[in-house]
Amino acid sequence: MPGYKKPFRRQNRFFSRPKDCQFCTDKNVNLDYKNTDLLRRLITEEGKIRPRRQTGTCARHQRAVAGEIKRARHVALLPYTGQYWEEGR
């Protein structure tokens, strides 16, 4: 058709790279409740467990991470809230 212009479509420049589960790719990573350095990276500053879309873990390992974090909290290796992060160091 003469005079017809296609509607302007935005080019999506950024795309999210699919994250690989760090526990599936590296079999040497020990997921244990006593490994508090690893578990602290999977918790927010408020003390909440980070979701899968932030950590990039698969569903199986996310369930295992949540269980180990809860076990470490119960044994008092990790705090339930984030207000004690700076006091313990």
PDB file of N, CA and C in Angstrom:
ATOM      1  N   MET A   1       0.845  -1.177   0.000  1.00  0.00           N
ATOM      2  CA  MET A   1       0.000   0.000   0.000  1.00  0.00           C
ATOM      3  C   MET A   1       0.890   1.240   0.000  1.00  0.00           C
ATOM      4  N   PRO A   2       0.598   2.142  -0.842  1.00  0.00           N
ATOM      5  CA  PRO A   2       1.386   3.366  -0.847  1.00  0.00           C
ATOM      6  C   PRO A   2       1.078   4.204   0.381  1.00  0.00           C
ATOM      7  N   GLY A   3       2.126   4.742   0.969  1.00  0.00           N
ATOM      8  CA  GLY A   3       1.949   5.618   2.129  1.00  0.00           C
ATOM      9  C   GLY A   3       1.804   4.873   3.449  1.00  0.00           C
ATOM     10  N   TYR A   4       1.778   3.550   3.408  1.00  0.00           N
ATOM     11  CA  TYR A   4       1.635   2.785   4.648  1.00  0.00           C
ATOM     12  C   TYR A   4       3.005   2.560   5.269  1.00  0.00           C
ATOM     13  N   LYS A   5       3.122   2.882   6.527  1.00  0.00           N
ATOM     14  CA  LYS A   5       4.361   2.669   7.246  1.00  0.00           C
ATOM     15  C   LYS A   5       4.141   1.596   8.301  1.00  0.00           C
ATOM     16  N   LYS A   6       5.133   0.797   8.460  1.00  0.00           N
ATOM     17  CA  LYS A   6       5.046  -0.208   9.511  1.00  0.00           C
ATOM     18  C   LYS A   6       5.120   0.476  10.867  1.00  0.00           C
ATOM     19  N   PRO A   7       4.408  -0.054  11.834  1.00  0.00           N
ATOM     20  CA  PRO A   7       4.516   0.538  13.175  1.00  0.00           C
ATOM     21  C   PRO A   7       5.918   0.331  13.730  1.00  0.00           C
ATOM     22  N   PHE A   8       6.350   1.301  14.484  1.00  0.00           N
ATOM     23  CA  PHE A   8       7.691   1.268  15.066  1.00  0.00           C
ATOM     24  C   PHE A   8       7.772   0.181  16.126  1.00  0.00           C
ATOM     25  N   ARG A   9       8.726  -0.730  15.972  1.00  0.00           N
ATOM     26  CA  ARG A   9       8.949  -1.783  16.967  1.00  0.00           C
ATOM     27  C   ARG A   9      10.277  -1.542  17.633  1.00  0.00           C
ATOM     28  N   ARG A  10      10.267  -1.577  18.924  1.00  0.00           N
ATOM     29  CA  ARG A  10      11.500  -1.405  19.679  1.00  0.00           C
ATOM     30  C   ARG A  10      12.345  -2.644  19.578  1.00  0.00           C
ATOM     31  N   GLN A  11      13.591  -2.445  19.372  1.00  0.00           N
ATOM     32  CA  GLN A  11      14.511  -3.562  19.368  1.00  0.00           C
ATOM     33  C   GLN A  11      14.900  -3.884  20.805  1.00  0.00           C
ATOM     34  N   ASN A  12      14.755  -5.116  21.172  1.00  0.00           N
ATOM     35  CA  ASN A  12      15.119  -5.540  22.517  1.00  0.00           C
ATOM     36  C   ASN A  12      16.633  -5.777  22.541  1.00  0.00           C
ATOM     37  N   ARG A  13      17.372  -4.842  23.089  1.00  0.00           N
ATOM     38  CA  ARG A  13      18.824  -4.926  23.083  1.00  0.00           C
ATOM     39  C   ARG A  13      19.359  -5.874  24.149  1.00  0.00           C
ATOM     40  N   PHE A  14      18.685  -5.933  25.252  1.00  0.00           N
ATOM     41  CA  PHE A  14      19.173  -6.730  26.370  1.00  0.00           C
ATOM     42  C   PHE A  14      18.357  -8.006  26.475  1.00  0.00           C
ATOM     43  N   PHE A  15      19.048  -9.085  26.668  1.00  0.00           N
ATOM     44  CA  PHE A  15      18.359 -10.347  26.887  1.00  0.00           C
ATOM     45  C   PHE A  15      19.031 -11.041  28.053  1.00  0.00           C
ATOM     46  N   SER A  16      18.228 -11.755  28.790  1.00  0.00           N
ATOM     47  CA  SER A  16      18.777 -12.405  29.977  1.00  0.00           C
ATOM     48  C   SER A  16      19.431 -13.725  29.569  1.00  0.00           C
ATOM     49  N   ARG A  17      20.617 -13.912  30.049  1.00  0.00           N
ATOM     50  CA  ARG A  17      21.354 -15.143  29.800  1.00  0.00           C
ATOM     51  C   ARG A  17      20.840 -16.203  30.768  1.00  0.00           C
ATOM     52  N   PRO A  18      20.540 -17.393  30.296  1.00  0.00           N
ATOM     53  CA  PRO A  18      20.073 -18.420  31.230  1.00  0.00           C
ATOM     54  C   PRO A  18      21.178 -18.770  32.223  1.00  0.00           C
ATOM     55  N   LYS A  19      20.830 -18.728  33.487  1.00  0.00           N
ATOM     56  CA  LYS A  19      21.804 -19.005  34.523  1.00  0.00           C
ATOM     57  C   LYS A  19      21.938 -20.511  34.725  1.00  0.00           C
ATOM     58  N   ASP A  20      23.143 -20.927  34.942  1.00  0.00           N
ATOM     59  CA  ASP A  20      23.391 -22.332  35.221  1.00  0.00           C
ATOM     60  C   ASP A  20      23.493 -22.516  36.724  1.00  0.00           C
ATOM     61  N   CYS A  21      22.966 -23.610  37.196  1.00  0.00           N
ATOM     62  CA  CYS A  21      23.008 -23.912  38.626  1.00  0.00           C
ATOM     63  C   CYS A  21      24.457 -24.162  39.027  1.00  0.00           C
ATOM     64  N   GLN A  22      24.922 -23.437  40.038  1.00  0.00           N
ATOM     65  CA  GLN A  22      26.314 -23.594  40.461  1.00  0.00           C
ATOM     66  C   GLN A  22      26.561 -24.942  41.119  1.00  0.00           C
ATOM     67  N   PHE A  23      25.516 -25.559  41.641  1.00  0.00           N
ATOM     68  CA  PHE A  23      25.676 -26.854  42.291  1.00  0.00           C
ATOM     69  C   PHE A  23      25.643 -27.989  41.277  1.00  0.00           C
ATOM     70  N   CYS A  24      24.946 -27.791  40.152  1.00  0.00           N
ATOM     71  CA  CYS A  24      24.927 -28.810  39.091  1.00  0.00           C
ATOM     72  C   CYS A  24      26.221 -28.781  38.283  1.00  0.00           C
ATOM     73  N   THR A  25      26.734 -27.579  38.016  1.00  0.00           N
ATOM     74  CA  THR A  25      27.931 -27.481  37.185  1.00  0.00           C
ATOM     75  C   THR A  25      29.189 -27.893  37.947  1.00  0.00           C
ATOM     76  N   ASP A  26      29.299 -27.508  39.216  1.00  0.00           N
ATOM     77  CA  ASP A  26      30.476 -27.845  40.014  1.00  0.00           C
ATOM     78  C   ASP A  26      30.075 -28.860  41.078  1.00  0.00           C
ATOM     79  N   LYS A  27      30.430 -30.098  40.847  1.00  0.00           N
ATOM     80  CA  LYS A  27      30.045 -31.173  41.772  1.00  0.00           C
ATOM     81  C   LYS A  27      30.851 -31.138  43.066  1.00  0.00           C
ATOM     82  N   ASN A  28      31.926 -30.334  43.114  1.00  0.00           N
ATOM     83  CA  ASN A  28      32.769 -30.283  44.306  1.00  0.00           C
ATOM     84  C   ASN A  28      32.232 -29.333  45.369  1.00  0.00           C
ATOM     85  N   VAL A  29      31.233 -28.513  45.039  1.00  0.00           N
ATOM     86  CA  VAL A  29      30.671 -27.588  46.020  1.00  0.00           C
ATOM     87  C   VAL A  29      29.854 -28.393  47.017  1.00  0.00           C
ATOM     88  N   ASN A  30      30.222 -28.261  48.279  1.00  0.00           N
ATOM     89  CA  ASN A  30      29.564 -29.021  49.335  1.00  0.00           C
ATOM     90  C   ASN A  30      28.431 -28.184  49.918  1.00  0.00           C
ATOM     91  N   LEU A  31      27.210 -28.625  49.714  1.00  0.00           N
ATOM     92  CA  LEU A  31      26.038 -27.942  50.263  1.00  0.00           C
ATOM     93  C   LEU A  31      25.740 -28.543  51.629  1.00  0.00           C
ATOM     94  N   ASP A  32      26.161 -27.825  52.682  1.00  0.00           N
ATOM     95  CA  ASP A  32      26.036 -28.331  54.035  1.00  0.00           C
ATOM     96  C   ASP A  32      25.671 -27.169  54.944  1.00  0.00           C
ATOM     97  N   TYR A  33      24.960 -27.445  56.012  1.00  0.00           N
ATOM     98  CA  TYR A  33      24.534 -26.384  56.921  1.00  0.00           C
ATOM     99  C   TYR A  33      25.711 -25.759  57.655  1.00  0.00           C
ATOM    100  N   LYS A  34      26.844 -26.451  57.723  1.00  0.00           N
ATOM    101  CA  LYS A  34      28.021 -25.905  58.402  1.00  0.00           C
ATOM    102  C   LYS A  34      28.828 -24.969  57.513  1.00  0.00           C
ATOM    103  N   ASN A  35      28.538 -24.939  56.220  1.00  0.00           N
ATOM    104  CA  ASN A  35      29.229 -24.070  55.281  1.00  0.00           C
ATOM    105  C   ASN A  35      28.508 -22.711  55.254  1.00  0.00           C
ATOM    106  N   THR A  36      28.741 -21.910  56.288  1.00  0.00           N
ATOM    107  CA  THR A  36      27.984 -20.669  56.440  1.00  0.00           C
ATOM    108  C   THR A  36      28.404 -19.600  55.445  1.00  0.00           C
ATOM    109  N   ASP A  37      29.641 -19.635  54.949  1.00  0.00           N
ATOM    110  CA  ASP A  37      30.071 -18.647  53.958  1.00  0.00           C
ATOM    111  C   ASP A  37      29.266 -18.784  52.675  1.00  0.00           C
ATOM    112  N   LEU A  38      29.026 -20.003  52.260  1.00  0.00           N
ATOM    113  CA  LEU A  38      28.219 -20.239  51.064  1.00  0.00           C
ATOM    114  C   LEU A  38      26.763 -19.862  51.306  1.00  0.00           C
ATOM    115  N   LEU A  39      26.236 -20.215  52.471  1.00  0.00           N
ATOM    116  CA  LEU A  39      24.823 -19.957  52.758  1.00  0.00           C
ATOM    117  C   LEU A  39      24.535 -18.472  52.938  1.00  0.00           C
ATOM    118  N   ARG A  40      25.501 -17.701  53.431  1.00  0.00           N
ATOM    119  CA  ARG A  40      25.282 -16.262  53.595  1.00  0.00           C
ATOM    120  C   ARG A  40      25.155 -15.557  52.258  1.00  0.00           C
ATOM    121  N   ARG A  41      25.782 -16.096  51.217  1.00  0.00           N
ATOM    122  CA  ARG A  41      25.632 -15.503  49.885  1.00  0.00           C
ATOM    123  C   ARG A  41      24.243 -15.757  49.316  1.00  0.00           C
ATOM    124  N   LEU A  42      23.536 -16.753  49.845  1.00  0.00           N
ATOM    125  CA  LEU A  42      22.212 -17.108  49.345  1.00  0.00           C
ATOM    126  C   LEU A  42      21.102 -16.505  50.188  1.00  0.00           C
ATOM    127  N   ILE A  43      21.454 -15.574  51.092  1.00  0.00           N
ATOM    128  CA  ILE A  43      20.489 -14.908  51.966  1.00  0.00           C
ATOM    129  C   ILE A  43      20.604 -13.410  51.745  1.00  0.00           C
ATOM    130  N   THR A  44      19.474 -12.704  51.785  1.00  0.00           N
ATOM    131  CA  THR A  44      19.494 -11.252  51.642  1.00  0.00           C
ATOM    132  C   THR A  44      19.979 -10.610  52.933  1.00  0.00           C
ATOM    133  N   GLU A  45      20.143  -9.290  52.908  1.00  0.00           N
ATOM    134  CA  GLU A  45      20.582  -8.564  54.098  1.00  0.00           C
ATOM    135  C   GLU A  45      19.527  -8.594  55.194  1.00  0.00           C
ATOM    136  N   GLU A  46      18.263  -8.794  54.802  1.00  0.00           N
ATOM    137  CA  GLU A  46      17.198  -8.886  55.795  1.00  0.00           C
ATOM    138  C   GLU A  46      17.091 -10.273  56.406  1.00  0.00           C
ATOM    139  N   GLY A  47      17.841 -11.229  55.863  1.00  0.00           N
ATOM    140  CA  GLY A  47      17.805 -12.587  56.392  1.00  0.00           C
ATOM    141  C   GLY A  47      16.887 -13.512  55.625  1.00  0.00           C
ATOM    142  N   LYS A  48      16.320 -13.056  54.509  1.00  0.00           N
ATOM    143  CA  LYS A  48      15.421 -13.893  53.715  1.00  0.00           C
ATOM    144  C   LYS A  48      16.229 -14.740  52.738  1.00  0.00           C
ATOM    145  N   ILE A  49      15.675 -15.884  52.387  1.00  0.00           N
ATOM    146  CA  ILE A  49      16.316 -16.759  51.411  1.00  0.00           C
ATOM    147  C   ILE A  49      16.088 -16.172  50.025  1.00  0.00           C
ATOM    148  N   ARG A  50      17.176 -16.026  49.260  1.00  0.00           N
ATOM    149  CA  ARG A  50      17.068 -15.458  47.915  1.00  0.00           C
ATOM    150  C   ARG A  50      16.317 -16.428  46.997  1.00  0.00           C
ATOM    151  N   PRO A  51      15.484 -15.906  46.094  1.00  0.00           N
ATOM    152  CA  PRO A  51      14.740 -16.789  45.183  1.00  0.00           C
ATOM    153  C   PRO A  51      15.632 -17.347  44.082  1.00  0.00           C
ATOM    154  N   ARG A  52      15.100 -18.308  43.371  1.00  0.00           N
ATOM    155  CA  ARG A  52      15.842 -18.983  42.305  1.00  0.00           C
ATOM    156  C   ARG A  52      16.243 -18.037  41.195  1.00  0.00           C
ATOM    157  N   ARG A  53      15.401 -17.083  40.878  1.00  0.00           N
ATOM    158  CA  ARG A  53      15.709 -16.174  39.769  1.00  0.00           C
ATOM    159  C   ARG A  53      16.885 -15.257  40.099  1.00  0.00           C
ATOM    160  N   GLN A  54      17.201 -15.079  41.375  1.00  0.00           N
ATOM    161  CA  GLN A  54      18.365 -14.277  41.755  1.00  0.00           C
ATOM    162  C   GLN A  54      19.622 -15.130  41.874  1.00  0.00           C
ATOM    163  N   THR A  55      19.493 -16.317  42.432  1.00  0.00           N
ATOM    164  CA  THR A  55      20.679 -17.145  42.655  1.00  0.00           C
ATOM    165  C   THR A  55      21.036 -17.986  41.444  1.00  0.00           C
ATOM    166  N   GLY A  56      20.061 -18.324  40.617  1.00  0.00           N
ATOM    167  CA  GLY A  56      20.327 -19.136  39.436  1.00  0.00           C
ATOM    168  C   GLY A  56      20.403 -20.617  39.710  1.00  0.00           C
ATOM    169  N   THR A  57      19.926 -21.055  40.844  1.00  0.00           N
ATOM    170  CA  THR A  57      19.963 -22.481  41.154  1.00  0.00           C
ATOM    171  C   THR A  57      18.761 -23.184  40.542  1.00  0.00           C
ATOM    172  N   CYS A  58      18.887 -24.489  40.346  1.00  0.00           N
ATOM    173  CA  CYS A  58      17.766 -25.263  39.825  1.00  0.00           C
ATOM    174  C   CYS A  58      16.796 -25.554  40.980  1.00  0.00           C
ATOM    175  N   ALA A  59      15.649 -26.096  40.651  1.00  0.00           N
ATOM    176  CA  ALA A  59      14.606 -26.316  41.653  1.00  0.00           C
ATOM    177  C   ALA A  59      15.048 -27.320  42.717  1.00  0.00           C
ATOM    178  N   ARG A  60      15.737 -28.361  42.298  1.00  0.00           N
ATOM    179  CA  ARG A  60      16.182 -29.386  43.245  1.00  0.00           C
ATOM    180  C   ARG A  60      17.160 -28.814  44.264  1.00  0.00           C
ATOM    181  N   HIS A  61      18.132 -28.043  43.764  1.00  0.00           N
ATOM    182  CA  HIS A  61      19.127 -27.492  44.681  1.00  0.00           C
ATOM    183  C   HIS A  61      18.584 -26.315  45.483  1.00  0.00           C
ATOM    184  N   GLN A  62      17.585 -25.598  44.951  1.00  0.00           N
ATOM    185  CA  GLN A  62      16.981 -24.513  45.727  1.00  0.00           C
ATOM    186  C   GLN A  62      16.253 -25.072  46.944  1.00  0.00           C
ATOM    187  N   ARG A  63      15.592 -26.204  46.776  1.00  0.00           N
ATOM    188  CA  ARG A  63      14.950 -26.842  47.926  1.00  0.00           C
ATOM    189  C   ARG A  63      15.991 -27.304  48.937  1.00  0.00           C
ATOM    190  N   ALA A  64      17.094 -27.831  48.450  1.00  0.00           N
ATOM    191  CA  ALA A  64      18.163 -28.270  49.354  1.00  0.00           C
ATOM    192  C   ALA A  64      18.794 -27.075  50.065  1.00  0.00           C
ATOM    193  N   VAL A  65      18.982 -25.958  49.344  1.00  0.00           N
ATOM    194  CA  VAL A  65      19.545 -24.745  49.945  1.00  0.00           C
ATOM    195  C   VAL A  65      18.626 -24.238  51.046  1.00  0.00           C
ATOM    196  N   ALA A  66      17.324 -24.208  50.778  1.00  0.00           N
ATOM    197  CA  ALA A  66      16.372 -23.724  51.780  1.00  0.00           C
ATOM    198  C   ALA A  66      16.402 -24.606  53.026  1.00  0.00           C
ATOM    199  N   GLY A  67      16.492 -25.904  52.836  1.00  0.00           N
ATOM    200  CA  GLY A  67      16.560 -26.818  53.982  1.00  0.00           C
ATOM    201  C   GLY A  67      17.819 -26.629  54.800  1.00  0.00           C
ATOM    202  N   GLU A  68      18.948 -26.432  54.121  1.00  0.00           N
ATOM    203  CA  GLU A  68      20.214 -26.245  54.836  1.00  0.00           C
ATOM    204  C   GLU A  68      20.259 -24.903  55.560  1.00  0.00           C
ATOM    205  N   ILE A  69      19.659 -23.877  54.964  1.00  0.00           N
ATOM    206  CA  ILE A  69      19.600 -22.569  55.640  1.00  0.00           C
ATOM    207  C   ILE A  69      18.733 -22.667  56.885  1.00  0.00           C
ATOM    208  N   LYS A  70      17.615 -23.357  56.774  1.00  0.00           N
ATOM    209  CA  LYS A  70      16.733 -23.517  57.937  1.00  0.00           C
ATOM    210  C   LYS A  70      17.417 -24.348  59.023  1.00  0.00           C
ATOM    211  N   ARG A  71      18.177 -25.345  58.625  1.00  0.00           N
ATOM    212  CA  ARG A  71      18.899 -26.161  59.598  1.00  0.00           C
ATOM    213  C   ARG A  71      19.991 -25.339  60.288  1.00  0.00           C
ATOM    214  N   ALA A  72      20.685 -24.487  59.516  1.00  0.00           N
ATOM    215  CA  ALA A  72      21.737 -23.651  60.102  1.00  0.00           C
ATOM    216  C   ALA A  72      21.137 -22.602  61.033  1.00  0.00           C
ATOM    217  N   ARG A  73      19.958 -22.111  60.713  1.00  0.00           N
ATOM    218  CA  ARG A  73      19.282 -21.171  61.623  1.00  0.00           C
ATOM    219  C   ARG A  73      18.901 -21.858  62.928  1.00  0.00           C
ATOM    220  N   HIS A  74      18.429 -23.082  62.825  1.00  0.00           N
ATOM    221  CA  HIS A  74      18.000 -23.812  64.013  1.00  0.00           C
ATOM    222  C   HIS A  74      19.173 -24.091  64.952  1.00  0.00           C
ATOM    223  N   VAL A  75      20.345 -24.336  64.403  1.00  0.00           N
ATOM    224  CA  VAL A  75      21.537 -24.618  65.196  1.00  0.00           C
ATOM    225  C   VAL A  75      22.246 -23.325  65.589  1.00  0.00           C
ATOM    226  N   ALA A  76      21.716 -22.178  65.183  1.00  0.00           N
ATOM    227  CA  ALA A  76      22.223 -20.836  65.512  1.00  0.00           C
ATOM    228  C   ALA A  76      23.523 -20.508  64.797  1.00  0.00           C
ATOM    229  N   LEU A  77      23.735 -21.061  63.599  1.00  0.00           N
ATOM    230  CA  LEU A  77      24.876 -20.666  62.795  1.00  0.00           C
ATOM    231  C   LEU A  77      24.542 -19.461  61.916  1.00  0.00           C
ATOM    232  N   LEU A  78      23.267 -19.297  61.600  1.00  0.00           N
ATOM    233  CA  LEU A  78      22.782 -18.152  60.826  1.00  0.00           C
ATOM    234  C   LEU A  78      21.655 -17.492  61.602  1.00  0.00           C
ATOM    235  N   PRO A  79      21.537 -16.164  61.507  1.00  0.00           N
ATOM    236  CA  PRO A  79      20.441 -15.484  62.197  1.00  0.00           C
ATOM    237  C   PRO A  79      19.132 -15.610  61.414  1.00  0.00           C
ATOM    238  N   TYR A  80      18.031 -15.515  62.124  1.00  0.00           N
ATOM    239  CA  TYR A  80      16.722 -15.517  61.478  1.00  0.00           C
ATOM    240  C   TYR A  80      16.442 -14.168  60.826  1.00  0.00           C
ATOM    241  N   THR A  81      16.966 -13.097  61.414  1.00  0.00           N
ATOM    242  CA  THR A  81      16.783 -11.754  60.857  1.00  0.00           C
ATOM    243  C   THR A  81      18.142 -11.185  60.488  1.00  0.00           C
ATOM    244  N   GLY A  82      18.139 -10.091  59.748  1.00  0.00           N
ATOM    245  CA  GLY A  82      19.385  -9.528  59.272  1.00  0.00           C
ATOM    246  C   GLY A  82      20.001  -8.490  60.166  1.00  0.00           C
ATOM    247  N   GLN A  83      19.391  -8.190  61.307  1.00  0.00           N
ATOM    248  CA  GLN A  83      19.913  -7.099  62.138  1.00  0.00           C
ATOM    249  C   GLN A  83      21.210  -7.465  62.842  1.00  0.00           C
ATOM    250  N   TYR A  84      21.580  -8.727  62.883  1.00  0.00           N
ATOM    251  CA  TYR A  84      22.796  -9.141  63.579  1.00  0.00           C
ATOM    252  C   TYR A  84      23.969  -9.411  62.643  1.00  0.00           C
ATOM    253  N   TRP A  85      23.856  -9.057  61.359  1.00  0.00           N
ATOM    254  CA  TRP A  85      24.929  -9.339  60.409  1.00  0.00           C
ATOM    255  C   TRP A  85      26.235  -8.636  60.806  1.00  0.00           C
ATOM    256  N   GLU A  86      26.152  -7.365  61.149  1.00  0.00           N
ATOM    257  CA  GLU A  86      27.359  -6.604  61.421  1.00  0.00           C
ATOM    258  C   GLU A  86      27.878  -6.816  62.838  1.00  0.00           C
ATOM    259  N   GLU A  87      27.017  -7.193  63.763  1.00  0.00           N
ATOM    260  CA  GLU A  87      27.451  -7.381  65.144  1.00  0.00           C
ATOM    261  C   GLU A  87      28.296  -8.635  65.311  1.00  0.00           C
ATOM    262  N   GLY A  88      28.056  -9.668  64.488  1.00  0.00           N
ATOM    263  CA  GLY A  88      28.773 -10.917  64.642  1.00  0.00           C
ATOM    264  C   GLY A  88      30.181 -10.893  64.079  1.00  0.00           C
ATOM    265  N   ARG A  89      30.529  -9.875  63.320  1.00  0.00           N
ATOM    266  CA  ARG A  89      31.857  -9.843  62.701  1.00  0.00           C
ATOM    267  C   ARG A  89      32.851  -9.115  63.516  1.00  0.00           C
TER     268      ARG A  89
END
